[in-house]
Amino acid sequence: MGTLVAGTIGFSGLIAACLVIAAHYRSLGRRTYARLSLVTGILFFAAFAGLSAGAGSRPTIIAFDIAVVLGWSWLTAVCVDKRV
């Protein structure tokens, strides 16, 4: 149970970060990064919601795995862009 709560908090933070960074890039006029951030947040939310709903089927798990890779890729892209 504790793992599910920790995961929910962490993944919700990732989704929120995607949306906040999307707004930041949009304010700078950087459409590509704004869209990448928005799409990553939406897809990660959808995959996490599907997994949390208890679907547990192989396609749901694979979709979540892909979303995790996408999330880490997005984070890497933003860090490289910001030169962190």
PDB file of N, CA and C in Angstrom:
ATOM      1  N   MET A   1       0.819  -1.207   0.000  1.00  0.00           N
ATOM      2  CA  MET A   1       0.000   0.000   0.000  1.00  0.00           C
ATOM      3  C   MET A   1       0.858   1.265   0.000  1.00  0.00           C
ATOM      4  N   GLY A   2       1.926   1.271   0.798  1.00  0.00           N
ATOM      5  CA  GLY A   2       2.794   2.444   0.886  1.00  0.00           C
ATOM      6  C   GLY A   2       3.478   2.750  -0.431  1.00  0.00           C
ATOM      7  N   THR A   3       3.834   1.695  -1.170  1.00  0.00           N
ATOM      8  CA  THR A   3       4.476   1.881  -2.463  1.00  0.00           C
ATOM      9  C   THR A   3       3.538   2.558  -3.445  1.00  0.00           C
ATOM     10  N   LEU A   4       2.272   2.174  -3.405  1.00  0.00           N
ATOM     11  CA  LEU A   4       1.290   2.783  -4.294  1.00  0.00           C
ATOM     12  C   LEU A   4       1.120   4.269  -3.986  1.00  0.00           C
ATOM     13  N   VAL A   5       1.111   4.621  -2.706  1.00  0.00           N
ATOM     14  CA  VAL A   5       0.981   6.028  -2.317  1.00  0.00           C
ATOM     15  C   VAL A   5       2.205   6.815  -2.778  1.00  0.00           C
ATOM     16  N   ALA A   6       3.405   6.258  -2.547  1.00  0.00           N
ATOM     17  CA  ALA A   6       4.634   6.942  -2.959  1.00  0.00           C
ATOM     18  C   ALA A   6       4.678   7.105  -4.476  1.00  0.00           C
ATOM     19  N   GLY A   7       4.282   6.064  -5.191  1.00  0.00           N
ATOM     20  CA  GLY A   7       4.249   6.144  -6.646  1.00  0.00           C
ATOM     21  C   GLY A   7       3.268   7.196  -7.131  1.00  0.00           C
ATOM     22  N   THR A   8       2.114   7.245  -6.500  1.00  0.00           N
ATOM     23  CA  THR A   8       1.104   8.227  -6.883  1.00  0.00           C
ATOM     24  C   THR A   8       1.624   9.650  -6.680  1.00  0.00           C
ATOM     25  N   ILE A   9       2.294   9.876  -5.565  1.00  0.00           N
ATOM     26  CA  ILE A   9       2.844  11.207  -5.295  1.00  0.00           C
ATOM     27  C   ILE A   9       3.935  11.558  -6.314  1.00  0.00           C
ATOM     28  N   GLY A  10       4.847  10.633  -6.530  1.00  0.00           N
ATOM     29  CA  GLY A  10       5.952  10.890  -7.464  1.00  0.00           C
ATOM     30  C   GLY A  10       5.484  11.083  -8.893  1.00  0.00           C
ATOM     31  N   PHE A  11       4.595  10.211  -9.355  1.00  0.00           N
ATOM     32  CA  PHE A  11       4.122  10.311 -10.728  1.00  0.00           C
ATOM     33  C   PHE A  11       3.239  11.537 -10.925  1.00  0.00           C
ATOM     34  N   SER A  12       2.481  11.895  -9.906  1.00  0.00           N
ATOM     35  CA  SER A  12       1.682  13.128  -9.992  1.00  0.00           C
ATOM     36  C   SER A  12       2.595  14.343 -10.101  1.00  0.00           C
ATOM     37  N   GLY A  13       3.708  14.301  -9.386  1.00  0.00           N
ATOM     38  CA  GLY A  13       4.683  15.380  -9.477  1.00  0.00           C
ATOM     39  C   GLY A  13       5.297  15.484 -10.864  1.00  0.00           C
ATOM     40  N   LEU A  14       5.568  14.328 -11.468  1.00  0.00           N
ATOM     41  CA  LEU A  14       6.112  14.329 -12.830  1.00  0.00           C
ATOM     42  C   LEU A  14       5.105  14.916 -13.818  1.00  0.00           C
ATOM     43  N   ILE A  15       3.859  14.530 -13.683  1.00  0.00           N
ATOM     44  CA  ILE A  15       2.810  15.052 -14.565  1.00  0.00           C
ATOM     45  C   ILE A  15       2.673  16.560 -14.387  1.00  0.00           C
ATOM     46  N   ALA A  16       2.651  17.006 -13.131  1.00  0.00           N
ATOM     47  CA  ALA A  16       2.545  18.445 -12.864  1.00  0.00           C
ATOM     48  C   ALA A  16       3.749  19.192 -13.436  1.00  0.00           C
ATOM     49  N   ALA A  17       4.946  18.612 -13.286  1.00  0.00           N
ATOM     50  CA  ALA A  17       6.155  19.250 -13.822  1.00  0.00           C
ATOM     51  C   ALA A  17       6.068  19.385 -15.338  1.00  0.00           C
ATOM     52  N   CYS A  18       5.567  18.359 -15.999  1.00  0.00           N
ATOM     53  CA  CYS A  18       5.412  18.428 -17.462  1.00  0.00           C
ATOM     54  C   CYS A  18       4.514  19.596 -17.854  1.00  0.00           C
ATOM     55  N   LEU A  19       3.411  19.751 -17.141  1.00  0.00           N
ATOM     56  CA  LEU A  19       2.462  20.808 -17.489  1.00  0.00           C
ATOM     57  C   LEU A  19       3.006  22.199 -17.160  1.00  0.00           C
ATOM     58  N   VAL A  20       3.707  22.320 -16.037  1.00  0.00           N
ATOM     59  CA  VAL A  20       4.299  23.612 -15.669  1.00  0.00           C
ATOM     60  C   VAL A  20       5.397  23.997 -16.659  1.00  0.00           C
ATOM     61  N   ILE A  21       6.250  23.042 -17.006  1.00  0.00           N
ATOM     62  CA  ILE A  21       7.322  23.320 -17.967  1.00  0.00           C
ATOM     63  C   ILE A  21       6.743  23.620 -19.345  1.00  0.00           C
ATOM     64  N   ALA A  22       5.639  22.968 -19.703  1.00  0.00           N
ATOM     65  CA  ALA A  22       4.979  23.272 -20.977  1.00  0.00           C
ATOM     66  C   ALA A  22       4.540  24.731 -21.013  1.00  0.00           C
ATOM     67  N   ALA A  23       3.956  25.202 -19.915  1.00  0.00           N
ATOM     68  CA  ALA A  23       3.536  26.606 -19.845  1.00  0.00           C
ATOM     69  C   ALA A  23       4.748  27.540 -19.917  1.00  0.00           C
ATOM     70  N   HIS A  24       5.834  27.149 -19.274  1.00  0.00           N
ATOM     71  CA  HIS A  24       7.061  27.952 -19.304  1.00  0.00           C
ATOM     72  C   HIS A  24       7.585  28.080 -20.735  1.00  0.00           C
ATOM     73  N   TYR A  25       7.701  26.945 -21.411  1.00  0.00           N
ATOM     74  CA  TYR A  25       8.190  26.987 -22.791  1.00  0.00           C
ATOM     75  C   TYR A  25       7.231  27.756 -23.697  1.00  0.00           C
ATOM     76  N   ARG A  26       5.940  27.614 -23.467  1.00  0.00           N
ATOM     77  CA  ARG A  26       4.961  28.353 -24.274  1.00  0.00           C
ATOM     78  C   ARG A  26       5.156  29.854 -24.083  1.00  0.00           C
ATOM     79  N   SER A  27       5.440  30.277 -22.843  1.00  0.00           N
ATOM     80  CA  SER A  27       5.642  31.708 -22.586  1.00  0.00           C
ATOM     81  C   SER A  27       6.911  32.231 -23.255  1.00  0.00           C
ATOM     82  N   LEU A  28       7.864  31.332 -23.504  1.00  0.00           N
ATOM     83  CA  LEU A  28       9.096  31.718 -24.199  1.00  0.00           C
ATOM     84  C   LEU A  28       8.965  31.625 -25.713  1.00  0.00           C
ATOM     85  N   GLY A  29       7.823  31.102 -26.183  1.00  0.00           N
ATOM     86  CA  GLY A  29       7.607  30.945 -27.612  1.00  0.00           C
ATOM     87  C   GLY A  29       8.295  29.721 -28.195  1.00  0.00           C
ATOM     88  N   ARG A  30       8.663  28.785 -27.359  1.00  0.00           N
ATOM     89  CA  ARG A  30       9.350  27.565 -27.813  1.00  0.00           C
ATOM     90  C   ARG A  30       8.318  26.458 -27.955  1.00  0.00           C
ATOM     91  N   ARG A  31       7.673  26.443 -29.099  1.00  0.00           N
ATOM     92  CA  ARG A  31       6.532  25.550 -29.327  1.00  0.00           C
ATOM     93  C   ARG A  31       6.888  24.069 -29.272  1.00  0.00           C
ATOM     94  N   THR A  32       8.030  23.705 -29.810  1.00  0.00           N
ATOM     95  CA  THR A  32       8.391  22.282 -29.849  1.00  0.00           C
ATOM     96  C   THR A  32       8.526  21.710 -28.447  1.00  0.00           C
ATOM     97  N   TYR A  33       9.262  22.394 -27.592  1.00  0.00           N
ATOM     98  CA  TYR A  33       9.414  21.917 -26.217  1.00  0.00           C
ATOM     99  C   TYR A  33       8.102  22.033 -25.444  1.00  0.00           C
ATOM    100  N   ALA A  34       7.318  23.046 -25.731  1.00  0.00           N
ATOM    101  CA  ALA A  34       6.022  23.176 -25.067  1.00  0.00           C
ATOM    102  C   ALA A  34       5.120  22.001 -25.423  1.00  0.00           C
ATOM    103  N   ARG A  35       5.079  21.645 -26.691  1.00  0.00           N
ATOM    104  CA  ARG A  35       4.249  20.504 -27.119  1.00  0.00           C
ATOM    105  C   ARG A  35       4.783  19.194 -26.567  1.00  0.00           C
ATOM    106  N   LEU A  36       6.095  19.010 -26.605  1.00  0.00           N
ATOM    107  CA  LEU A  36       6.702  17.798 -26.060  1.00  0.00           C
ATOM    108  C   LEU A  36       6.342  17.643 -24.587  1.00  0.00           C
ATOM    109  N   SER A  37       6.428  18.718 -23.837  1.00  0.00           N
ATOM    110  CA  SER A  37       6.115  18.666 -22.414  1.00  0.00           C
ATOM    111  C   SER A  37       4.644  18.366 -22.176  1.00  0.00           C
ATOM    112  N   LEU A  38       3.778  19.002 -22.930  1.00  0.00           N
ATOM    113  CA  LEU A  38       2.345  18.786 -22.777  1.00  0.00           C
ATOM    114  C   LEU A  38       1.956  17.351 -23.144  1.00  0.00           C
ATOM    115  N   VAL A  39       2.452  16.876 -24.265  1.00  0.00           N
ATOM    116  CA  VAL A  39       2.133  15.510 -24.709  1.00  0.00           C
ATOM    117  C   VAL A  39       2.670  14.483 -23.711  1.00  0.00           C
ATOM    118  N   THR A  40       3.875  14.708 -23.206  1.00  0.00           N
ATOM    119  CA  THR A  40       4.442  13.790 -22.219  1.00  0.00           C
ATOM    120  C   THR A  40       3.570  13.740 -20.970  1.00  0.00           C
ATOM    121  N   GLY A  41       3.146  14.897 -20.481  1.00  0.00           N
ATOM    122  CA  GLY A  41       2.284  14.934 -19.292  1.00  0.00           C
ATOM    123  C   GLY A  41       0.965  14.224 -19.511  1.00  0.00           C
ATOM    124  N   ILE A  42       0.355  14.452 -20.651  1.00  0.00           N
ATOM    125  CA  ILE A  42      -0.948  13.838 -20.948  1.00  0.00           C
ATOM    126  C   ILE A  42      -0.810  12.324 -21.109  1.00  0.00           C
ATOM    127  N   LEU A  43       0.191  11.882 -21.876  1.00  0.00           N
ATOM    128  CA  LEU A  43       0.370  10.444 -22.078  1.00  0.00           C
ATOM    129  C   LEU A  43       0.751   9.734 -20.787  1.00  0.00           C
ATOM    130  N   PHE A  44       1.585  10.376 -19.978  1.00  0.00           N
ATOM    131  CA  PHE A  44       1.954   9.752 -18.714  1.00  0.00           C
ATOM    132  C   PHE A  44       0.745   9.653 -17.797  1.00  0.00           C
ATOM    133  N   PHE A  45      -0.078  10.688 -17.777  1.00  0.00           N
ATOM    134  CA  PHE A  45      -1.302  10.641 -16.970  1.00  0.00           C
ATOM    135  C   PHE A  45      -2.205   9.504 -17.426  1.00  0.00           C
ATOM    136  N   ALA A  46      -2.392   9.384 -18.730  1.00  0.00           N
ATOM    137  CA  ALA A  46      -3.268   8.333 -19.264  1.00  0.00           C
ATOM    138  C   ALA A  46      -2.735   6.942 -18.916  1.00  0.00           C
ATOM    139  N   ALA A  47      -1.435   6.745 -19.073  1.00  0.00           N
ATOM    140  CA  ALA A  47      -0.850   5.437 -18.772  1.00  0.00           C
ATOM    141  C   ALA A  47      -0.933   5.125 -17.283  1.00  0.00           C
ATOM    142  N   PHE A  48      -0.659   6.121 -16.449  1.00  0.00           N
ATOM    143  CA  PHE A  48      -0.724   5.900 -14.998  1.00  0.00           C
ATOM    144  C   PHE A  48      -2.153   5.674 -14.543  1.00  0.00           C
ATOM    145  N   ALA A  49      -3.088   6.410 -15.117  1.00  0.00           N
ATOM    146  CA  ALA A  49      -4.501   6.216 -14.764  1.00  0.00           C
ATOM    147  C   ALA A  49      -4.961   4.816 -15.159  1.00  0.00           C
ATOM    148  N   GLY A  50      -4.540   4.348 -16.321  1.00  0.00           N
ATOM    149  CA  GLY A  50      -4.901   3.005 -16.758  1.00  0.00           C
ATOM    150  C   GLY A  50      -4.333   1.943 -15.837  1.00  0.00           C
ATOM    151  N   LEU A  51      -3.105   2.127 -15.415  1.00  0.00           N
ATOM    152  CA  LEU A  51      -2.480   1.177 -14.508  1.00  0.00           C
ATOM    153  C   LEU A  51      -3.130   1.233 -13.125  1.00  0.00           C
ATOM    154  N   SER A  52      -3.432   2.440 -12.654  1.00  0.00           N
ATOM    155  CA  SER A  52      -4.050   2.608 -11.339  1.00  0.00           C
ATOM    156  C   SER A  52      -5.473   2.074 -11.287  1.00  0.00           C
ATOM    157  N   ALA A  53      -6.125   2.050 -12.433  1.00  0.00           N
ATOM    158  CA  ALA A  53      -7.504   1.561 -12.481  1.00  0.00           C
ATOM    159  C   ALA A  53      -7.562   0.051 -12.279  1.00  0.00           C
ATOM    160  N   GLY A  54      -6.401  -0.558 -12.196  1.00  0.00           N
ATOM    161  CA  GLY A  54      -6.364  -1.986 -11.935  1.00  0.00           C
ATOM    162  C   GLY A  54      -6.475  -2.838 -13.166  1.00  0.00           C
ATOM    163  N   ALA A  55      -6.251  -2.251 -14.320  1.00  0.00           N
ATOM    164  CA  ALA A  55      -6.362  -3.025 -15.545  1.00  0.00           C
ATOM    165  C   ALA A  55      -5.376  -4.190 -15.514  1.00  0.00           C
ATOM    166  N   GLY A  56      -4.128  -3.926 -15.200  1.00  0.00           N
ATOM    167  CA  GLY A  56      -3.136  -4.964 -15.035  1.00  0.00           C
ATOM    168  C   GLY A  56      -2.929  -5.883 -16.230  1.00  0.00           C
ATOM    169  N   SER A  57      -3.532  -5.575 -17.346  1.00  0.00           N
ATOM    170  CA  SER A  57      -3.337  -6.405 -18.533  1.00  0.00           C
ATOM    171  C   SER A  57      -1.974  -6.101 -19.143  1.00  0.00           C
ATOM    172  N   ARG A  58      -1.502  -6.998 -19.963  1.00  0.00           N
ATOM    173  CA  ARG A  58      -0.202  -6.821 -20.595  1.00  0.00           C
ATOM    174  C   ARG A  58      -0.124  -5.518 -21.392  1.00  0.00           C
ATOM    175  N   PRO A  59      -1.130  -5.153 -22.230  1.00  0.00           N
ATOM    176  CA  PRO A  59      -1.036  -3.883 -22.959  1.00  0.00           C
ATOM    177  C   PRO A  59      -0.972  -2.658 -22.039  1.00  0.00           C
ATOM    178  N   THR A  60      -1.678  -2.700 -20.915  1.00  0.00           N
ATOM    179  CA  THR A  60      -1.646  -1.580 -19.978  1.00  0.00           C
ATOM    180  C   THR A  60      -0.268  -1.450 -19.341  1.00  0.00           C
ATOM    181  N   ILE A  61       0.318  -2.566 -18.993  1.00  0.00           N
ATOM    182  CA  ILE A  61       1.647  -2.548 -18.385  1.00  0.00           C
ATOM    183  C   ILE A  61       2.691  -2.086 -19.399  1.00  0.00           C
ATOM    184  N   ILE A  62       2.580  -2.540 -20.621  1.00  0.00           N
ATOM    185  CA  ILE A  62       3.518  -2.113 -21.667  1.00  0.00           C
ATOM    186  C   ILE A  62       3.363  -0.612 -21.937  1.00  0.00           C
ATOM    187  N   ALA A  63       2.125  -0.123 -21.971  1.00  0.00           N
ATOM    188  CA  ALA A  63       1.886   1.309 -22.178  1.00  0.00           C
ATOM    189  C   ALA A  63       2.504   2.120 -21.039  1.00  0.00           C
ATOM    190  N   PHE A  64       2.388   1.622 -19.820  1.00  0.00           N
ATOM    191  CA  PHE A  64       2.982   2.327 -18.685  1.00  0.00           C
ATOM    192  C   PHE A  64       4.505   2.301 -18.781  1.00  0.00           C
ATOM    193  N   ASP A  65       5.073   1.167 -19.170  1.00  0.00           N
ATOM    194  CA  ASP A  65       6.529   1.088 -19.339  1.00  0.00           C
ATOM    195  C   ASP A  65       7.017   2.090 -20.379  1.00  0.00           C
ATOM    196  N   ILE A  66       6.296   2.201 -21.476  1.00  0.00           N
ATOM    197  CA  ILE A  66       6.648   3.170 -22.521  1.00  0.00           C
ATOM    198  C   ILE A  66       6.524   4.593 -21.987  1.00  0.00           C
ATOM    199  N   ALA A  67       5.487   4.840 -21.177  1.00  0.00           N
ATOM    200  CA  ALA A  67       5.302   6.172 -20.596  1.00  0.00           C
ATOM    201  C   ALA A  67       6.442   6.520 -19.641  1.00  0.00           C
ATOM    202  N   VAL A  68       6.937   5.547 -18.900  1.00  0.00           N
ATOM    203  CA  VAL A  68       8.071   5.798 -18.002  1.00  0.00           C
ATOM    204  C   VAL A  68       9.313   6.168 -18.813  1.00  0.00           C
ATOM    205  N   VAL A  69       9.561   5.449 -19.888  1.00  0.00           N
ATOM    206  CA  VAL A  69      10.699   5.776 -20.756  1.00  0.00           C
ATOM    207  C   VAL A  69      10.515   7.178 -21.354  1.00  0.00           C
ATOM    208  N   LEU A  70       9.305   7.487 -21.771  1.00  0.00           N
ATOM    209  CA  LEU A  70       9.012   8.822 -22.302  1.00  0.00           C
ATOM    210  C   LEU A  70       9.247   9.889 -21.240  1.00  0.00           C
ATOM    211  N   GLY A  71       8.809   9.635 -20.016  1.00  0.00           N
ATOM    212  CA  GLY A  71       9.008  10.594 -18.928  1.00  0.00           C
ATOM    213  C   GLY A  71      10.480  10.864 -18.663  1.00  0.00           C
ATOM    214  N   TRP A  72      11.286   9.803 -18.608  1.00  0.00           N
ATOM    215  CA  TRP A  72      12.718   9.981 -18.394  1.00  0.00           C
ATOM    216  C   TRP A  72      13.371  10.669 -19.592  1.00  0.00           C
ATOM    217  N   SER A  73      12.921  10.365 -20.777  1.00  0.00           N
ATOM    218  CA  SER A  73      13.452  11.020 -21.979  1.00  0.00           C
ATOM    219  C   SER A  73      13.119  12.503 -21.974  1.00  0.00           C
ATOM    220  N   TRP A  74      11.890  12.827 -21.578  1.00  0.00           N
ATOM    221  CA  TRP A  74      11.486  14.243 -21.476  1.00  0.00           C
ATOM    222  C   TRP A  74      12.365  14.962 -20.461  1.00  0.00           C
ATOM    223  N   LEU A  75      12.559  14.335 -19.298  1.00  0.00           N
ATOM    224  CA  LEU A  75      13.377  14.949 -18.256  1.00  0.00           C
ATOM    225  C   LEU A  75      14.806  15.186 -18.753  1.00  0.00           C
ATOM    226  N   THR A  76      15.354  14.222 -19.472  1.00  0.00           N
ATOM    227  CA  THR A  76      16.687  14.372 -20.040  1.00  0.00           C
ATOM    228  C   THR A  76      16.727  15.522 -21.052  1.00  0.00           C
ATOM    229  N   ALA A  77      15.724  15.603 -21.920  1.00  0.00           N
ATOM    230  CA  ALA A  77      15.677  16.665 -22.923  1.00  0.00           C
ATOM    231  C   ALA A  77      15.612  18.043 -22.269  1.00  0.00           C
ATOM    232  N   VAL A  78      14.811  18.185 -21.231  1.00  0.00           N
ATOM    233  CA  VAL A  78      14.686  19.475 -20.547  1.00  0.00           C
ATOM    234  C   VAL A  78      15.996  19.825 -19.849  1.00  0.00           C
ATOM    235  N   CYS A  79      16.631  18.859 -19.209  1.00  0.00           N
ATOM    236  CA  CYS A  79      17.909  19.115 -18.541  1.00  0.00           C
ATOM    237  C   CYS A  79      18.999  19.512 -19.542  1.00  0.00           C
ATOM    238  N   VAL A  80      19.021  18.843 -20.678  1.00  0.00           N
ATOM    239  CA  VAL A  80      20.008  19.194 -21.708  1.00  0.00           C
ATOM    240  C   VAL A  80      19.721  20.608 -22.225  1.00  0.00           C
ATOM    241  N   ASP A  81      18.444  20.910 -22.437  1.00  0.00           N
ATOM    242  CA  ASP A  81      18.076  22.235 -22.928  1.00  0.00           C
ATOM    243  C   ASP A  81      18.455  23.323 -21.923  1.00  0.00           C
ATOM    244  N   LYS A  82      18.245  23.039 -20.663  1.00  0.00           N
ATOM    245  CA  LYS A  82      18.565  24.022 -19.606  1.00  0.00           C
ATOM    246  C   LYS A  82      20.019  23.924 -19.155  1.00  0.00           C
ATOM    247  N   ARG A  83      20.733  22.923 -19.694  1.00  0.00           N
ATOM    248  CA  ARG A  83      22.149  22.687 -19.356  1.00  0.00           C
ATOM    249  C   ARG A  83      22.354  22.513 -17.866  1.00  0.00           C
ATOM    250  N   VAL A  84      21.528  21.642 -17.305  1.00  0.00           N
ATOM    251  CA  VAL A  84      21.630  21.352 -15.861  1.00  0.00           C
ATOM    252  C   VAL A  84      22.690  20.313 -15.637  1.00  0.00           C
TER     253      VAL A  84
END
